[in-house]
């Protein structure tokens, strides 16, 4: 994984969790799952365009409990008044990635209230966004930002989307008006293991 690629995956996963959680029906039982998701991250890549936010220093790691953790140092190259659009597109493949095993899954898109969502700590994106130092809220000032030991809760997404058994390919973008704020592509495979 390249150093400049990490922030997009984090944003993509969190965006997906927000959409999934907001559109899902509550589970019938509150019993804890008897399984745990393991994620094998194949890659995270910056899109060919040059976004306003770049992250030259990022890394992912599993903590002692097997949870996916994230650290990042990012640079916002210019002041941004508002995040006006966020898009999260998913394709799933049965096995290896090839044209005959892959199918479009879904595109999630937001175009209203994104900056307000960033402030709601009860949502996954708000929880993650609150970890930026200094705080990164709209309007976003040009400068350097860091996150340290941020947990990416893939377990919740796995309760609502059938992640295991597929290779997932995604593109996550955030726009500031007509400009690209952030854009990443990624691929991962999720498997279930006994908890």
Protein backbone atom coordinates (compact mmCIF):
# COMPACT_ATOMS: atom_id res chain seq x y z
CA UNK A 1 0.00 0.00 0.00
CA UNK A 2 1.40 3.39 -0.90
CA UNK A 3 1.72 6.07 1.70
CA UNK A 4 -0.63 8.45 -0.13
CA UNK A 5 -3.41 5.92 -0.33
CA UNK A 6 -4.67 5.39 3.20
CA UNK A 7 -7.03 8.25 3.99
CA UNK A 8 -9.34 7.38 1.10
CA UNK A 9 -9.91 3.85 2.29
CA UNK A 10 -10.73 5.06 5.76
CA UNK A 11 -13.18 7.57 4.34
CA UNK A 12 -14.62 4.96 1.98
CA UNK A 13 -15.22 2.45 4.73
CA UNK A 14 -16.73 5.05 7.03
CA UNK A 15 -18.94 6.50 4.24
CA UNK A 16 -20.15 3.01 3.48
CA UNK A 17 -20.92 2.36 7.12
CA UNK A 18 -22.96 5.56 7.33
CA UNK A 19 -25.05 4.61 4.32
CA UNK A 20 -25.46 1.00 5.37
CA UNK A 21 -26.42 1.91 8.92
CA UNK A 22 -28.83 4.63 7.78
CA UNK A 23 -30.57 2.34 5.27
CA UNK A 24 -30.55 -0.93 7.20
CA UNK A 25 -33.33 -2.33 9.32
CA UNK A 26 -32.41 -2.88 12.94
CA UNK A 27 -31.43 -6.45 13.76
CA UNK A 28 -34.11 -8.61 15.39
CA UNK A 29 -31.74 -9.84 18.09
CA UNK A 30 -29.12 -7.93 20.02
CA UNK A 31 -27.12 -11.08 20.73
CA UNK A 32 -23.44 -10.69 19.87
CA UNK A 33 -22.34 -12.44 16.67
CA UNK A 34 -20.61 -15.78 17.05
CA UNK A 35 -18.19 -14.83 14.29
CA UNK A 36 -15.72 -12.07 13.54
CA UNK A 37 -14.77 -10.52 10.23
CA UNK A 38 -11.18 -10.56 9.06
CA UNK A 39 -10.26 -8.13 6.28
CA UNK A 40 -7.45 -8.80 3.82
CA UNK A 41 -6.69 -5.42 2.26
CA UNK A 42 -5.33 -5.98 -1.27
CA UNK A 43 -4.66 -2.34 -2.17
CA UNK A 44 -5.60 1.30 -1.75
CA UNK A 45 -4.71 3.67 -4.60
CA UNK A 46 -5.08 7.35 -5.21
CA UNK A 47 -7.27 8.13 -8.21
CA UNK A 48 -5.46 9.56 -11.27
CA UNK A 49 -6.84 13.03 -10.56
CA UNK A 50 -5.00 15.19 -8.01
CA UNK A 51 -7.29 15.82 -5.01
CA UNK A 52 -7.01 18.77 -2.64
CA UNK A 53 -6.25 16.41 0.28
CA UNK A 54 -3.26 14.10 0.01
CA UNK A 55 -1.93 11.76 2.67
CA UNK A 56 1.80 11.16 2.24
CA UNK A 57 2.09 9.14 5.47
CA UNK A 58 -0.52 6.47 6.24
CA UNK A 59 -0.59 2.96 7.62
CA UNK A 60 -3.08 0.28 8.59
CA UNK A 61 -2.46 -2.42 11.16
CA UNK A 62 -4.32 -5.00 13.23
CA UNK A 63 -4.25 -4.41 16.98
CA UNK A 64 -3.94 -7.24 19.54
CA UNK A 65 -7.73 -7.82 19.32
CA UNK A 66 -7.60 -8.16 15.53
CA UNK A 67 -9.27 -4.78 14.90
CA UNK A 68 -8.26 -2.73 11.86
CA UNK A 69 -6.50 0.46 12.97
CA UNK A 70 -5.40 3.51 11.01
CA UNK A 71 -2.84 6.32 11.29
CA UNK A 72 -2.49 9.19 8.81
CA UNK A 73 -0.74 12.46 8.17
CA UNK A 74 -2.54 14.43 5.48
CA UNK A 75 -2.08 17.76 3.74
CA UNK A 76 -4.99 19.94 2.61
CA UNK A 77 -3.49 22.12 -0.14
CA UNK A 78 -6.04 24.95 -0.02
CA UNK A 79 -8.97 26.27 2.01
CA UNK A 80 -12.26 24.44 1.40
CA UNK A 81 -15.57 26.09 2.31
CA UNK A 82 -17.78 22.99 2.12
CA UNK A 83 -17.76 19.31 1.20
CA UNK A 84 -20.60 19.24 -1.32
CA UNK A 85 -20.70 15.61 -2.42
CA UNK A 86 -19.52 12.20 -1.24
CA UNK A 87 -19.81 9.05 -3.36
CA UNK A 88 -19.05 5.43 -2.51
CA UNK A 89 -19.30 2.87 -5.35
CA UNK A 90 -18.95 -0.89 -4.74
CA UNK A 91 -18.45 -3.85 -7.06
CA UNK A 92 -18.25 -7.40 -5.74
CA UNK A 93 -16.51 -10.40 -7.26
CA UNK A 94 -17.13 -14.05 -6.38
CA UNK A 95 -13.47 -15.05 -6.44
CA UNK A 96 -10.55 -13.36 -8.11
CA UNK A 97 -11.26 -10.10 -9.90
CA UNK A 98 -12.26 -10.82 -13.50
CA UNK A 99 -15.00 -9.66 -15.83
CA UNK A 100 -17.00 -12.88 -15.55
CA UNK A 101 -17.08 -13.05 -11.73
CA UNK A 102 -17.71 -9.39 -10.87
CA UNK A 103 -20.96 -7.48 -10.62
CA UNK A 104 -21.90 -3.92 -9.76
CA UNK A 105 -23.23 -3.85 -6.19
CA UNK A 106 -24.33 -0.32 -5.31
CA UNK A 107 -23.44 3.37 -5.36
CA UNK A 108 -24.10 5.43 -2.26
CA UNK A 109 -24.18 9.18 -2.74
CA UNK A 110 -24.69 12.17 -0.46
CA UNK A 111 -25.02 15.77 -1.57
CA UNK A 112 -26.68 17.49 1.40
CA UNK A 113 -25.37 18.15 4.88
CA UNK A 114 -22.01 16.40 4.62
CA UNK A 115 -20.23 18.97 6.79
CA UNK A 116 -22.94 18.56 9.42
CA UNK A 117 -22.53 14.75 9.36
CA UNK A 118 -18.84 15.21 10.15
CA UNK A 119 -19.83 16.75 13.51
CA UNK A 120 -22.17 13.95 14.68
CA UNK A 121 -20.06 11.75 16.95
CA UNK A 122 -22.73 9.05 17.16
CA UNK A 123 -22.21 8.27 13.45
CA UNK A 124 -19.15 6.31 12.25
CA UNK A 125 -17.93 9.18 10.04
CA UNK A 126 -18.31 11.68 12.89
CA UNK A 127 -16.43 9.39 15.27
CA UNK A 128 -13.55 9.10 12.81
CA UNK A 129 -13.59 12.76 11.79
CA UNK A 130 -13.37 13.90 15.43
CA UNK A 131 -9.92 12.27 15.61
CA UNK A 132 -8.25 14.79 13.26
CA UNK A 133 -5.67 17.00 14.93
CA UNK A 134 -6.12 19.90 14.54
CA UNK A 135 -9.90 19.51 14.04
CA UNK A 136 -10.93 19.35 10.36
CA UNK A 137 -14.42 20.86 10.19
CA UNK A 138 -15.98 23.04 7.51
CA UNK A 139 -14.71 25.45 6.48
CA UNK A 140 -11.53 23.35 6.23
CA UNK A 141 -8.31 25.33 6.37
CA UNK A 142 -5.26 24.49 4.29
CA UNK A 143 -2.64 22.76 6.41
CA UNK A 144 -1.35 19.51 7.92
CA UNK A 145 -3.66 17.10 9.77
CA UNK A 146 -2.97 13.86 11.65
CA UNK A 147 -4.98 10.91 12.99
CA UNK A 148 -3.55 8.34 15.38
CA UNK A 149 -4.86 4.88 16.29
CA UNK A 150 -8.29 5.28 14.73
CA UNK A 151 -10.35 2.08 14.81
CA UNK A 152 -12.17 1.11 11.62
CA UNK A 153 -15.17 -0.93 12.74
CA UNK A 154 -15.68 -3.37 9.88
CA UNK A 155 -17.66 -5.68 12.20
CA UNK A 156 -20.72 -3.39 12.09
CA UNK A 157 -20.67 -3.25 8.29
CA UNK A 158 -20.43 -7.03 8.20
CA UNK A 159 -23.66 -7.32 10.19
CA UNK A 160 -25.53 -5.36 7.54
CA UNK A 161 -23.85 -6.29 4.23
CA UNK A 162 -22.90 -9.81 3.21
CA UNK A 163 -19.17 -9.01 3.01
CA UNK A 164 -17.69 -12.52 3.41
CA UNK A 165 -17.21 -14.64 0.33
CA UNK A 166 -16.55 -11.74 -2.03
CA UNK A 167 -13.67 -9.62 -3.21
CA UNK A 168 -14.85 -6.00 -2.96
CA UNK A 169 -13.65 -3.21 -5.26
CA UNK A 170 -14.58 0.35 -4.41
CA UNK A 171 -14.11 3.99 -5.29
CA UNK A 172 -14.65 6.71 -2.72
CA UNK A 173 -14.73 10.40 -3.59
CA UNK A 174 -15.42 13.66 -1.82
CA UNK A 175 -15.96 16.87 -3.76
CA UNK A 176 -15.71 20.52 -2.76
CA UNK A 177 -17.87 22.24 -5.38
CA UNK A 178 -16.34 21.42 -8.76
CA UNK A 179 -13.04 20.29 -7.24
CA UNK A 180 -12.01 16.86 -6.06
CA UNK A 181 -11.27 16.95 -2.31
CA UNK A 182 -10.32 13.25 -1.96
CA UNK A 183 -10.48 10.15 -4.18
CA UNK A 184 -9.29 6.59 -3.59
CA UNK A 185 -9.85 3.16 -5.09
CA UNK A 186 -9.46 0.01 -3.01
CA UNK A 187 -9.87 -3.75 -3.01
CA UNK A 188 -10.32 -6.11 -0.07
CA UNK A 189 -11.64 -9.54 0.82
CA UNK A 190 -13.53 -10.28 4.03
CA UNK A 191 -13.72 -13.69 5.66
CA UNK A 192 -15.51 -14.92 8.76
CA UNK A 193 -13.73 -16.55 11.67
CA UNK A 194 -15.15 -17.81 14.96
CA UNK A 195 -15.13 -15.14 17.64
